[in-house]
Each structure stands twice: as C-alpha cells, then as structure tokens.
Amino acid sequence: MKYLFTFLLVILLNACGAKKFYTLGDSLAIKTTHIFNKPIDIVKVKVPKYLQKNKIVRQVSPYEIELVKKSDWLIPMEKRLTQMLIEYLQQSLNNPNVHLYPWDSDNKAVLRISVDIQKFIASKRRVKLYANYKIMNFNTGKTQLKHFKVERPTTGEMKSMMEVMQETYTLLMEEIQLSILNNK
C-alpha cells in the first residue's frame, strides 16, 4: 500500500509539473508572390543572450526579465528563426536555392543575408522586435544595411504572445523579401 501511494504521488506531481513547449512558424501560410531564382545564402540568425537558451522569457518591467515557468522553446530560437527565414524565402520567392551559409550551399551565391536581432521579447502588453539585417550582393558589390523595429499588442496570455511573436517575425521576413526584390 505504501508503494502504491508513493507511485500515485509521483505520477500526480509529474502531471502537475508538466512542461509546455512552444514554437514559431509551424502555422505560416506562405504564398509565392514573386520569383527570384538566384542562389541566396542565409547566415545563422543572431539572437540576444536571453533567447539562446530554450527557456521562454517575458519582460515584466523595463528593468526585469523573468523565466516563464514550465515553458520552453521546442527548438532553440537561433535555429528556428534561421529555418523560418530560409523556408519563407524559398516559398515566397519560389526559390529552392536559399541555403544556410556556409554549410548547405553548393552554388555560388548572388546574395548573402544576415540578421542580428537586438530585442525579441514579449511582455503582458506588447511584443517587441528590433533587428538589423544586411544583404550583400556579390554581383554588384553593394551591401544594404537596414534597421527593423516593430511593436505589436498582445493580451499577455502565452497563446497570444506566441501568435504576435510569429506575426512580428513574419513582418521582418516580408521586409527582407521586399529588400531583395527592390535591389536585384
């Protein structure tokens, strides 16, 4: 009887302590809007230190960031945001020649894109995404360096925070796509 009680207690505690895992980008409906079939290299997206771990954080004041208890990213954010950018550009530009630099590229790239996220965090009221991105054109020898900043409201619930984070990152990917198309 004592062992049965211990076993049931352990199961109950594990059930109450279950973690939830979150990801971005799995529900994106990406449509081909333009065709750009030249090879593009994507450098791994850089993220702030608080996004380099699998822990989800939330800003509670201008001076305080907290871990969201029992909530983790399913995939590390550097990897997931890089994957999302590659997939987005492949599908929206109808271009299978968008690859992670330097590992997956066999072709001589015409463009190399790097993204440096300065801030990507949710609070109970807003999601903020501040980033710099660079597009190097090897045909023209020109480099574009641009700043991106967007803030969107959220309800503070996890589902809303994830939806708005995905929405804000999609806006960044759309801007990168337009920069590619406007500066061929």
N, C-alpha and C. Protein backbone atom coordinates (compact mmCIF):
# COMPACT_ATOMS: atom_id res chain seq x y z
N MET A 1 0.83 -1.19 0.00
CA MET A 1 0.00 0.00 0.00
C MET A 1 0.87 1.26 0.00
N LYS A 2 1.94 1.23 0.80
CA LYS A 2 2.84 2.37 0.89
C LYS A 2 3.46 2.68 -0.46
N TYR A 3 3.84 1.62 -1.21
CA TYR A 3 4.45 1.81 -2.52
C TYR A 3 3.45 2.33 -3.54
N LEU A 4 2.23 1.87 -3.43
CA LEU A 4 1.18 2.35 -4.34
C LEU A 4 0.92 3.83 -4.11
N PHE A 5 0.87 4.24 -2.85
CA PHE A 5 0.67 5.65 -2.53
C PHE A 5 1.82 6.49 -3.07
N THR A 6 3.06 6.03 -2.90
CA THR A 6 4.24 6.75 -3.40
C THR A 6 4.20 6.85 -4.91
N PHE A 7 3.86 5.74 -5.56
CA PHE A 7 3.77 5.72 -7.03
C PHE A 7 2.72 6.72 -7.53
N LEU A 8 1.55 6.71 -6.92
CA LEU A 8 0.49 7.64 -7.33
C LEU A 8 0.88 9.09 -7.06
N LEU A 9 1.57 9.33 -5.97
CA LEU A 9 2.02 10.69 -5.65
C LEU A 9 3.03 11.18 -6.69
N VAL A 10 3.96 10.31 -7.09
CA VAL A 10 4.94 10.68 -8.11
C VAL A 10 4.24 10.99 -9.43
N ILE A 11 3.30 10.17 -9.82
CA ILE A 11 2.55 10.41 -11.07
C ILE A 11 1.79 11.73 -10.99
N LEU A 12 1.15 11.99 -9.87
CA LEU A 12 0.40 13.23 -9.70
C LEU A 12 1.32 14.45 -9.78
N LEU A 13 2.46 14.39 -9.12
CA LEU A 13 3.39 15.51 -9.15
C LEU A 13 3.95 15.74 -10.55
N ASN A 14 4.24 14.67 -11.26
CA ASN A 14 4.72 14.81 -12.64
C ASN A 14 3.65 15.39 -13.54
N ALA A 15 2.42 14.99 -13.34
CA ALA A 15 1.33 15.51 -14.17
C ALA A 15 1.12 16.99 -13.90
N CYS A 16 1.20 17.39 -12.65
CA CYS A 16 1.01 18.80 -12.30
C CYS A 16 2.19 19.65 -12.76
N GLY A 17 3.34 19.05 -12.90
CA GLY A 17 4.54 19.79 -13.25
C GLY A 17 4.91 19.68 -14.71
N ALA A 18 3.99 19.27 -15.55
CA ALA A 18 4.30 19.07 -16.96
C ALA A 18 4.68 20.38 -17.63
N LYS A 19 5.74 20.29 -18.44
CA LYS A 19 6.19 21.45 -19.20
C LYS A 19 5.39 21.57 -20.48
N LYS A 20 5.32 22.78 -20.96
CA LYS A 20 4.73 23.03 -22.27
C LYS A 20 5.84 23.53 -23.18
N PHE A 21 5.79 23.11 -24.43
CA PHE A 21 6.80 23.51 -25.40
C PHE A 21 6.13 24.35 -26.48
N TYR A 22 6.83 25.39 -26.92
CA TYR A 22 6.30 26.32 -27.90
C TYR A 22 7.25 26.45 -29.07
N THR A 23 6.69 26.78 -30.22
CA THR A 23 7.48 27.02 -31.41
C THR A 23 6.80 28.09 -32.25
N LEU A 24 7.53 28.64 -33.16
CA LEU A 24 7.00 29.64 -34.08
C LEU A 24 7.11 29.10 -35.49
N GLY A 25 6.23 29.55 -36.36
CA GLY A 25 6.36 29.28 -37.79
C GLY A 25 5.66 28.06 -38.32
N ASP A 26 5.16 27.19 -37.48
CA ASP A 26 4.52 25.99 -37.99
C ASP A 26 3.16 26.26 -38.63
N SER A 27 2.57 27.39 -38.32
CA SER A 27 1.26 27.69 -38.89
C SER A 27 1.32 28.77 -39.98
N LEU A 28 2.51 29.07 -40.48
CA LEU A 28 2.63 30.08 -41.53
C LEU A 28 2.07 29.55 -42.84
N ALA A 29 1.28 30.35 -43.50
CA ALA A 29 0.78 30.03 -44.84
C ALA A 29 1.52 30.95 -45.80
N ILE A 30 2.61 30.44 -46.38
CA ILE A 30 3.47 31.25 -47.23
C ILE A 30 3.07 31.04 -48.68
N LYS A 31 2.81 32.14 -49.36
CA LYS A 31 2.42 32.08 -50.77
C LYS A 31 3.55 32.61 -51.63
N THR A 32 3.69 32.03 -52.81
CA THR A 32 4.67 32.54 -53.76
C THR A 32 4.15 33.86 -54.31
N THR A 33 4.87 34.93 -54.07
CA THR A 33 4.43 36.24 -54.53
C THR A 33 5.30 36.76 -55.66
N HIS A 34 6.55 36.32 -55.73
CA HIS A 34 7.48 36.75 -56.77
C HIS A 34 8.43 35.59 -57.07
N ILE A 35 9.15 35.73 -58.14
CA ILE A 35 10.16 34.71 -58.47
C ILE A 35 11.53 35.37 -58.48
N PHE A 36 12.42 34.78 -57.71
CA PHE A 36 13.82 35.20 -57.66
C PHE A 36 14.62 33.92 -57.50
N ASN A 37 15.20 33.43 -58.58
CA ASN A 37 15.79 32.09 -58.55
C ASN A 37 17.31 32.06 -58.41
N LYS A 38 17.91 33.17 -58.08
CA LYS A 38 19.36 33.19 -57.90
C LYS A 38 19.71 32.67 -56.51
N PRO A 39 20.87 32.00 -56.38
CA PRO A 39 21.25 31.44 -55.08
C PRO A 39 21.41 32.50 -53.99
N ILE A 40 20.86 32.19 -52.82
CA ILE A 40 20.91 33.08 -51.66
C ILE A 40 21.46 32.29 -50.47
N ASP A 41 22.45 32.86 -49.81
CA ASP A 41 22.98 32.29 -48.57
C ASP A 41 22.35 33.02 -47.39
N ILE A 42 21.97 32.25 -46.37
CA ILE A 42 21.44 32.82 -45.13
C ILE A 42 22.41 32.47 -44.01
N VAL A 43 22.94 33.49 -43.36
CA VAL A 43 23.81 33.30 -42.20
C VAL A 43 22.90 33.04 -41.00
N LYS A 44 23.34 32.17 -40.09
CA LYS A 44 22.53 31.86 -38.91
C LYS A 44 22.12 33.15 -38.19
N VAL A 45 20.83 33.27 -37.90
CA VAL A 45 20.28 34.45 -37.25
C VAL A 45 20.88 34.57 -35.85
N LYS A 46 21.37 35.77 -35.52
CA LYS A 46 21.90 36.04 -34.18
C LYS A 46 20.76 36.54 -33.30
N VAL A 47 20.74 36.05 -32.07
CA VAL A 47 19.69 36.46 -31.12
C VAL A 47 20.33 36.93 -29.82
N PRO A 48 19.60 37.71 -29.03
CA PRO A 48 20.12 38.12 -27.73
C PRO A 48 20.34 36.91 -26.81
N LYS A 49 21.16 37.11 -25.80
CA LYS A 49 21.53 36.02 -24.90
C LYS A 49 20.30 35.34 -24.28
N TYR A 50 19.27 36.11 -23.94
CA TYR A 50 18.09 35.52 -23.30
C TYR A 50 17.31 34.60 -24.23
N LEU A 51 17.59 34.63 -25.53
CA LEU A 51 16.94 33.71 -26.47
C LEU A 51 17.85 32.56 -26.87
N GLN A 52 19.07 32.54 -26.38
CA GLN A 52 20.00 31.48 -26.76
C GLN A 52 19.75 30.18 -26.01
N LYS A 53 19.03 30.23 -24.96
CA LYS A 53 18.65 29.02 -24.22
C LYS A 53 17.25 28.62 -24.69
N ASN A 54 16.81 27.48 -24.26
CA ASN A 54 15.47 27.02 -24.64
C ASN A 54 14.37 27.59 -23.75
N LYS A 55 14.75 28.37 -22.77
CA LYS A 55 13.77 28.92 -21.84
C LYS A 55 13.03 30.10 -22.47
N ILE A 56 11.75 30.19 -22.21
CA ILE A 56 10.95 31.33 -22.67
C ILE A 56 10.98 32.38 -21.58
N VAL A 57 11.25 33.62 -21.99
CA VAL A 57 11.29 34.73 -21.04
C VAL A 57 10.23 35.75 -21.41
N ARG A 58 9.89 36.54 -20.41
CA ARG A 58 8.91 37.61 -20.60
C ARG A 58 9.43 38.84 -19.85
N GLN A 59 9.23 39.99 -20.46
CA GLN A 59 9.66 41.23 -19.81
C GLN A 59 8.53 41.70 -18.90
N VAL A 60 8.86 41.89 -17.62
CA VAL A 60 7.85 42.31 -16.65
C VAL A 60 7.97 43.79 -16.29
N SER A 61 9.11 44.38 -16.57
CA SER A 61 9.31 45.82 -16.38
C SER A 61 10.47 46.22 -17.29
N PRO A 62 10.71 47.51 -17.45
CA PRO A 62 11.84 47.91 -18.28
C PRO A 62 13.18 47.36 -17.79
N TYR A 63 13.23 46.95 -16.53
CA TYR A 63 14.48 46.51 -15.92
C TYR A 63 14.50 45.05 -15.53
N GLU A 64 13.42 44.32 -15.80
CA GLU A 64 13.32 42.95 -15.30
C GLU A 64 12.75 42.01 -16.36
N ILE A 65 13.45 40.88 -16.50
CA ILE A 65 13.00 39.81 -17.39
C ILE A 65 12.88 38.56 -16.54
N GLU A 66 11.78 37.82 -16.72
CA GLU A 66 11.59 36.60 -15.93
C GLU A 66 11.43 35.39 -16.84
N LEU A 67 11.79 34.23 -16.29
CA LEU A 67 11.54 32.97 -16.98
C LEU A 67 10.06 32.64 -16.84
N VAL A 68 9.46 32.18 -17.92
CA VAL A 68 8.07 31.72 -17.86
C VAL A 68 8.13 30.27 -17.39
N LYS A 69 7.55 30.01 -16.23
CA LYS A 69 7.66 28.70 -15.60
C LYS A 69 7.02 27.62 -16.46
N LYS A 70 7.70 26.50 -16.50
CA LYS A 70 7.23 25.29 -17.18
C LYS A 70 6.95 25.52 -18.66
N SER A 71 7.68 26.47 -19.27
CA SER A 71 7.51 26.76 -20.70
C SER A 71 8.88 26.87 -21.35
N ASP A 72 9.07 26.08 -22.40
CA ASP A 72 10.34 26.09 -23.12
C ASP A 72 10.07 26.20 -24.62
N TRP A 73 11.11 26.64 -25.34
CA TRP A 73 11.06 26.60 -26.79
C TRP A 73 11.32 25.16 -27.21
N LEU A 74 10.60 24.69 -28.19
CA LEU A 74 10.79 23.35 -28.69
C LEU A 74 12.13 23.22 -29.40
N ILE A 75 12.50 24.26 -30.15
CA ILE A 75 13.76 24.32 -30.89
C ILE A 75 14.45 25.61 -30.47
N PRO A 76 15.78 25.59 -30.27
CA PRO A 76 16.46 26.84 -29.92
C PRO A 76 16.13 27.95 -30.94
N MET A 77 15.95 29.15 -30.44
CA MET A 77 15.47 30.25 -31.29
C MET A 77 16.42 30.60 -32.43
N GLU A 78 17.72 30.55 -32.23
CA GLU A 78 18.64 30.83 -33.34
C GLU A 78 18.35 29.89 -34.51
N LYS A 79 18.21 28.63 -34.18
CA LYS A 79 17.96 27.62 -35.21
C LYS A 79 16.58 27.80 -35.84
N ARG A 80 15.56 28.01 -35.02
CA ARG A 80 14.19 28.10 -35.55
C ARG A 80 14.00 29.36 -36.40
N LEU A 81 14.50 30.49 -35.94
CA LEU A 81 14.33 31.73 -36.72
C LEU A 81 15.10 31.65 -38.03
N THR A 82 16.24 30.99 -38.04
CA THR A 82 17.00 30.79 -39.28
C THR A 82 16.23 29.89 -40.22
N GLN A 83 15.69 28.79 -39.71
CA GLN A 83 14.89 27.88 -40.53
C GLN A 83 13.68 28.60 -41.13
N MET A 84 13.02 29.40 -40.30
CA MET A 84 11.84 30.12 -40.78
C MET A 84 12.20 31.07 -41.92
N LEU A 85 13.31 31.79 -41.79
CA LEU A 85 13.72 32.72 -42.83
C LEU A 85 14.03 31.98 -44.12
N ILE A 86 14.74 30.88 -44.03
CA ILE A 86 15.07 30.09 -45.23
C ILE A 86 13.79 29.58 -45.89
N GLU A 87 12.91 28.99 -45.10
CA GLU A 87 11.65 28.46 -45.65
C GLU A 87 10.80 29.57 -46.25
N TYR A 88 10.73 30.70 -45.57
CA TYR A 88 9.93 31.81 -46.07
C TYR A 88 10.45 32.28 -47.43
N LEU A 89 11.74 32.49 -47.55
CA LEU A 89 12.31 32.98 -48.81
C LEU A 89 12.21 31.91 -49.91
N GLN A 90 12.41 30.65 -49.57
CA GLN A 90 12.26 29.59 -50.56
C GLN A 90 10.85 29.59 -51.15
N GLN A 91 9.86 29.68 -50.27
CA GLN A 91 8.47 29.58 -50.73
C GLN A 91 7.96 30.88 -51.34
N SER A 92 8.23 32.00 -50.71
CA SER A 92 7.68 33.27 -51.22
C SER A 92 8.34 33.70 -52.52
N LEU A 93 9.60 33.30 -52.72
CA LEU A 93 10.32 33.66 -53.96
C LEU A 93 10.35 32.50 -54.96
N ASN A 94 9.70 31.39 -54.62
CA ASN A 94 9.73 30.18 -55.44
C ASN A 94 11.18 29.84 -55.80
N ASN A 95 12.02 29.76 -54.76
CA ASN A 95 13.45 29.62 -54.96
C ASN A 95 14.01 28.51 -54.06
N PRO A 96 14.30 27.33 -54.64
CA PRO A 96 14.88 26.27 -53.82
C PRO A 96 16.36 26.51 -53.51
N ASN A 97 16.95 27.57 -54.08
CA ASN A 97 18.37 27.87 -53.89
C ASN A 97 18.62 28.85 -52.75
N VAL A 98 17.86 28.72 -51.68
CA VAL A 98 18.10 29.50 -50.47
C VAL A 98 18.62 28.52 -49.44
N HIS A 99 19.86 28.76 -48.96
CA HIS A 99 20.52 27.78 -48.11
C HIS A 99 21.20 28.45 -46.92
N LEU A 100 21.43 27.61 -45.90
CA LEU A 100 22.18 28.05 -44.73
C LEU A 100 23.65 28.19 -45.11
N TYR A 101 24.23 29.32 -44.79
CA TYR A 101 25.64 29.58 -45.09
C TYR A 101 26.47 29.22 -43.87
N PRO A 102 27.58 28.61 -44.00
CA PRO A 102 28.27 28.14 -45.21
C PRO A 102 28.03 26.66 -45.50
N TRP A 103 27.27 25.96 -44.66
CA TRP A 103 27.23 24.50 -44.72
C TRP A 103 26.43 23.92 -45.86
N ASP A 104 25.29 24.48 -46.20
CA ASP A 104 24.39 23.83 -47.15
C ASP A 104 24.51 24.35 -48.58
N SER A 105 25.36 25.28 -48.82
CA SER A 105 25.41 25.93 -50.12
C SER A 105 26.44 25.26 -51.03
N ASP A 106 25.97 24.81 -52.20
CA ASP A 106 26.86 24.27 -53.23
C ASP A 106 27.08 25.29 -54.34
N ASN A 107 26.10 26.14 -54.56
CA ASN A 107 26.17 27.12 -55.63
C ASN A 107 26.85 28.40 -55.15
N LYS A 108 27.40 29.12 -56.08
CA LYS A 108 27.98 30.42 -55.75
C LYS A 108 26.82 31.39 -55.55
N ALA A 109 26.66 31.89 -54.34
CA ALA A 109 25.52 32.75 -54.02
C ALA A 109 25.67 34.11 -54.67
N VAL A 110 24.53 34.67 -55.04
CA VAL A 110 24.46 36.04 -55.54
C VAL A 110 24.24 36.99 -54.36
N LEU A 111 23.44 36.51 -53.38
CA LEU A 111 23.15 37.31 -52.19
C LEU A 111 23.51 36.53 -50.93
N ARG A 112 23.94 37.27 -49.92
CA ARG A 112 24.13 36.69 -48.60
C ARG A 112 23.39 37.60 -47.63
N ILE A 113 22.54 36.98 -46.80
CA ILE A 113 21.71 37.74 -45.86
C ILE A 113 22.07 37.33 -44.45
N SER A 114 22.27 38.35 -43.61
CA SER A 114 22.49 38.09 -42.18
C SER A 114 21.53 38.95 -41.37
N VAL A 115 21.05 38.38 -40.29
CA VAL A 115 20.08 39.06 -39.41
C VAL A 115 20.64 39.03 -38.00
N ASP A 116 20.62 40.20 -37.36
CA ASP A 116 21.07 40.33 -35.98
C ASP A 116 19.92 40.91 -35.17
N ILE A 117 19.27 40.06 -34.39
CA ILE A 117 18.13 40.50 -33.60
C ILE A 117 18.64 41.15 -32.31
N GLN A 118 18.27 42.38 -32.10
CA GLN A 118 18.67 43.12 -30.92
C GLN A 118 17.73 42.88 -29.74
N LYS A 119 16.44 42.80 -30.03
CA LYS A 119 15.43 42.58 -28.99
C LYS A 119 14.26 41.83 -29.63
N PHE A 120 13.85 40.75 -28.99
CA PHE A 120 12.68 39.99 -29.43
C PHE A 120 12.07 39.40 -28.18
N ILE A 121 11.10 40.11 -27.63
CA ILE A 121 10.58 39.72 -26.32
C ILE A 121 9.13 40.16 -26.20
N ALA A 122 8.39 39.40 -25.42
CA ALA A 122 7.00 39.72 -25.13
C ALA A 122 6.89 40.19 -23.69
N SER A 123 5.90 41.02 -23.47
CA SER A 123 5.51 41.39 -22.12
C SER A 123 4.01 41.10 -22.02
N LYS A 124 3.39 41.53 -20.98
CA LYS A 124 1.95 41.29 -20.86
C LYS A 124 1.15 42.18 -21.81
N ARG A 125 1.79 43.20 -22.36
CA ARG A 125 1.07 44.14 -23.23
C ARG A 125 1.56 44.16 -24.67
N ARG A 126 2.87 43.88 -24.89
CA ARG A 126 3.45 44.08 -26.22
C ARG A 126 4.50 43.04 -26.55
N VAL A 127 4.68 42.84 -27.84
CA VAL A 127 5.83 42.10 -28.35
C VAL A 127 6.70 43.10 -29.08
N LYS A 128 7.99 43.07 -28.79
CA LYS A 128 8.93 43.98 -29.42
C LYS A 128 9.94 43.17 -30.22
N LEU A 129 10.18 43.62 -31.46
CA LEU A 129 11.21 43.02 -32.29
C LEU A 129 12.02 44.14 -32.92
N TYR A 130 13.29 44.21 -32.54
CA TYR A 130 14.23 45.18 -33.11
C TYR A 130 15.36 44.36 -33.71
N ALA A 131 15.69 44.63 -34.96
CA ALA A 131 16.72 43.85 -35.63
C ALA A 131 17.43 44.69 -36.67
N ASN A 132 18.65 44.28 -36.97
CA ASN A 132 19.40 44.81 -38.10
C ASN A 132 19.59 43.66 -39.07
N TYR A 133 19.52 43.96 -40.35
CA TYR A 133 19.83 42.92 -41.32
C TYR A 133 20.68 43.50 -42.44
N LYS A 134 21.49 42.60 -43.03
CA LYS A 134 22.42 43.01 -44.07
C LYS A 134 22.22 42.10 -45.27
N ILE A 135 22.15 42.71 -46.45
CA ILE A 135 22.06 41.96 -47.69
C ILE A 135 23.27 42.35 -48.54
N MET A 136 24.15 41.37 -48.77
CA MET A 136 25.33 41.59 -49.61
C MET A 136 25.04 41.03 -50.99
N ASN A 137 25.20 41.87 -52.01
CA ASN A 137 25.01 41.46 -53.39
C ASN A 137 26.39 41.28 -54.01
N PHE A 138 26.75 40.05 -54.32
CA PHE A 138 28.08 39.75 -54.84
C PHE A 138 28.22 40.13 -56.31
N ASN A 139 27.09 40.29 -57.04
CA ASN A 139 27.17 40.71 -58.45
C ASN A 139 27.49 42.20 -58.57
N THR A 140 26.88 43.00 -57.68
CA THR A 140 27.08 44.45 -57.76
C THR A 140 28.14 44.96 -56.80
N GLY A 141 28.48 44.15 -55.80
CA GLY A 141 29.44 44.57 -54.79
C GLY A 141 28.84 45.50 -53.75
N LYS A 142 27.52 45.67 -53.78
CA LYS A 142 26.85 46.57 -52.83
C LYS A 142 26.31 45.81 -51.63
N THR A 143 26.27 46.51 -50.51
CA THR A 143 25.73 45.95 -49.28
C THR A 143 24.67 46.90 -48.74
N GLN A 144 23.52 46.33 -48.41
CA GLN A 144 22.46 47.10 -47.77
C GLN A 144 22.46 46.74 -46.28
N LEU A 145 22.42 47.74 -45.44
CA LEU A 145 22.30 47.51 -44.01
C LEU A 145 21.05 48.25 -43.56
N LYS A 146 20.10 47.52 -42.99
CA LYS A 146 18.82 48.12 -42.62
C LYS A 146 18.47 47.79 -41.18
N HIS A 147 17.69 48.69 -40.59
CA HIS A 147 17.18 48.50 -39.24
C HIS A 147 15.69 48.24 -39.32
N PHE A 148 15.21 47.32 -38.51
CA PHE A 148 13.80 46.96 -38.46
C PHE A 148 13.34 47.08 -37.02
N LYS A 149 12.19 47.71 -36.83
CA LYS A 149 11.65 47.87 -35.48
C LYS A 149 10.13 47.78 -35.56
N VAL A 150 9.57 46.91 -34.75
CA VAL A 150 8.11 46.80 -34.71
C VAL A 150 7.70 46.39 -33.29
N GLU A 151 6.55 46.91 -32.88
CA GLU A 151 5.93 46.54 -31.62
C GLU A 151 4.46 46.29 -31.90
N ARG A 152 3.94 45.21 -31.34
CA ARG A 152 2.54 44.85 -31.54
C ARG A 152 1.92 44.51 -30.20
N PRO A 153 0.63 44.82 -30.02
CA PRO A 153 -0.03 44.50 -28.75
C PRO A 153 -0.30 43.00 -28.60
N THR A 154 -0.35 42.56 -27.35
CA THR A 154 -0.68 41.19 -27.00
C THR A 154 -1.51 41.19 -25.73
N THR A 155 -2.21 40.10 -25.49
CA THR A 155 -3.05 40.02 -24.29
C THR A 155 -2.25 39.60 -23.06
N GLY A 156 -1.07 39.07 -23.27
CA GLY A 156 -0.26 38.59 -22.15
C GLY A 156 -0.40 37.10 -21.92
N GLU A 157 -1.40 36.47 -22.53
CA GLU A 157 -1.54 35.01 -22.45
C GLU A 157 -0.51 34.39 -23.39
N MET A 158 -0.05 33.19 -23.06
CA MET A 158 1.00 32.55 -23.85
C MET A 158 0.60 32.39 -25.31
N LYS A 159 -0.61 31.96 -25.57
CA LYS A 159 -1.04 31.77 -26.96
C LYS A 159 -0.96 33.08 -27.73
N SER A 160 -1.43 34.15 -27.15
CA SER A 160 -1.38 35.46 -27.79
C SER A 160 0.06 35.92 -27.99
N MET A 161 0.89 35.70 -26.98
CA MET A 161 2.30 36.11 -27.10
C MET A 161 2.97 35.37 -28.25
N MET A 162 2.72 34.07 -28.38
CA MET A 162 3.34 33.28 -29.47
C MET A 162 2.82 33.74 -30.84
N GLU A 163 1.52 33.99 -30.93
CA GLU A 163 0.94 34.44 -32.20
C GLU A 163 1.54 35.78 -32.63
N VAL A 164 1.68 36.69 -31.68
CA VAL A 164 2.19 38.02 -32.01
C VAL A 164 3.70 37.95 -32.29
N MET A 165 4.42 37.10 -31.60
CA MET A 165 5.84 36.93 -31.91
C MET A 165 6.01 36.41 -33.34
N GLN A 166 5.18 35.44 -33.73
CA GLN A 166 5.24 34.93 -35.09
C GLN A 166 4.87 36.01 -36.10
N GLU A 167 3.86 36.79 -35.78
CA GLU A 167 3.42 37.88 -36.66
C GLU A 167 4.54 38.91 -36.85
N THR A 168 5.21 39.29 -35.77
CA THR A 168 6.25 40.30 -35.89
C THR A 168 7.45 39.77 -36.67
N TYR A 169 7.81 38.51 -36.46
CA TYR A 169 8.93 37.95 -37.22
C TYR A 169 8.56 37.81 -38.70
N THR A 170 7.30 37.51 -38.98
CA THR A 170 6.84 37.45 -40.37
C THR A 170 6.98 38.82 -41.03
N LEU A 171 6.69 39.88 -40.31
CA LEU A 171 6.87 41.22 -40.86
C LEU A 171 8.33 41.48 -41.23
N LEU A 172 9.24 41.03 -40.39
CA LEU A 172 10.67 41.17 -40.70
C LEU A 172 11.02 40.37 -41.95
N MET A 173 10.54 39.14 -42.05
CA MET A 173 10.84 38.32 -43.23
C MET A 173 10.27 38.94 -44.51
N GLU A 174 9.08 39.52 -44.40
CA GLU A 174 8.48 40.20 -45.56
C GLU A 174 9.32 41.39 -45.99
N GLU A 175 9.82 42.15 -45.03
CA GLU A 175 10.65 43.31 -45.36
C GLU A 175 11.96 42.86 -46.03
N ILE A 176 12.54 41.79 -45.55
CA ILE A 176 13.76 41.26 -46.18
C ILE A 176 13.47 40.84 -47.61
N GLN A 177 12.37 40.16 -47.81
CA GLN A 177 11.99 39.74 -49.16
C GLN A 177 11.83 40.95 -50.08
N LEU A 178 11.16 41.99 -49.63
CA LEU A 178 10.99 43.20 -50.44
C LEU A 178 12.33 43.87 -50.73
N SER A 179 13.24 43.87 -49.77
CA SER A 179 14.57 44.44 -49.98
C SER A 179 15.32 43.66 -51.06
N ILE A 180 15.16 42.34 -51.06
CA ILE A 180 15.78 41.51 -52.11
C ILE A 180 15.23 41.89 -53.47
N LEU A 181 13.92 41.99 -53.56
CA LEU A 181 13.27 42.26 -54.85
C LEU A 181 13.52 43.68 -55.35
N ASN A 182 13.60 44.63 -54.47
CA ASN A 182 13.80 46.03 -54.87
C ASN A 182 15.24 46.35 -55.26
N ASN A 183 16.15 45.48 -54.91
CA ASN A 183 17.57 45.76 -55.17
C ASN A 183 18.23 44.58 -55.86
N LYS A 184 17.63 44.12 -56.93
CA LYS A 184 18.16 42.95 -57.65
C LYS A 184 19.51 43.24 -58.25
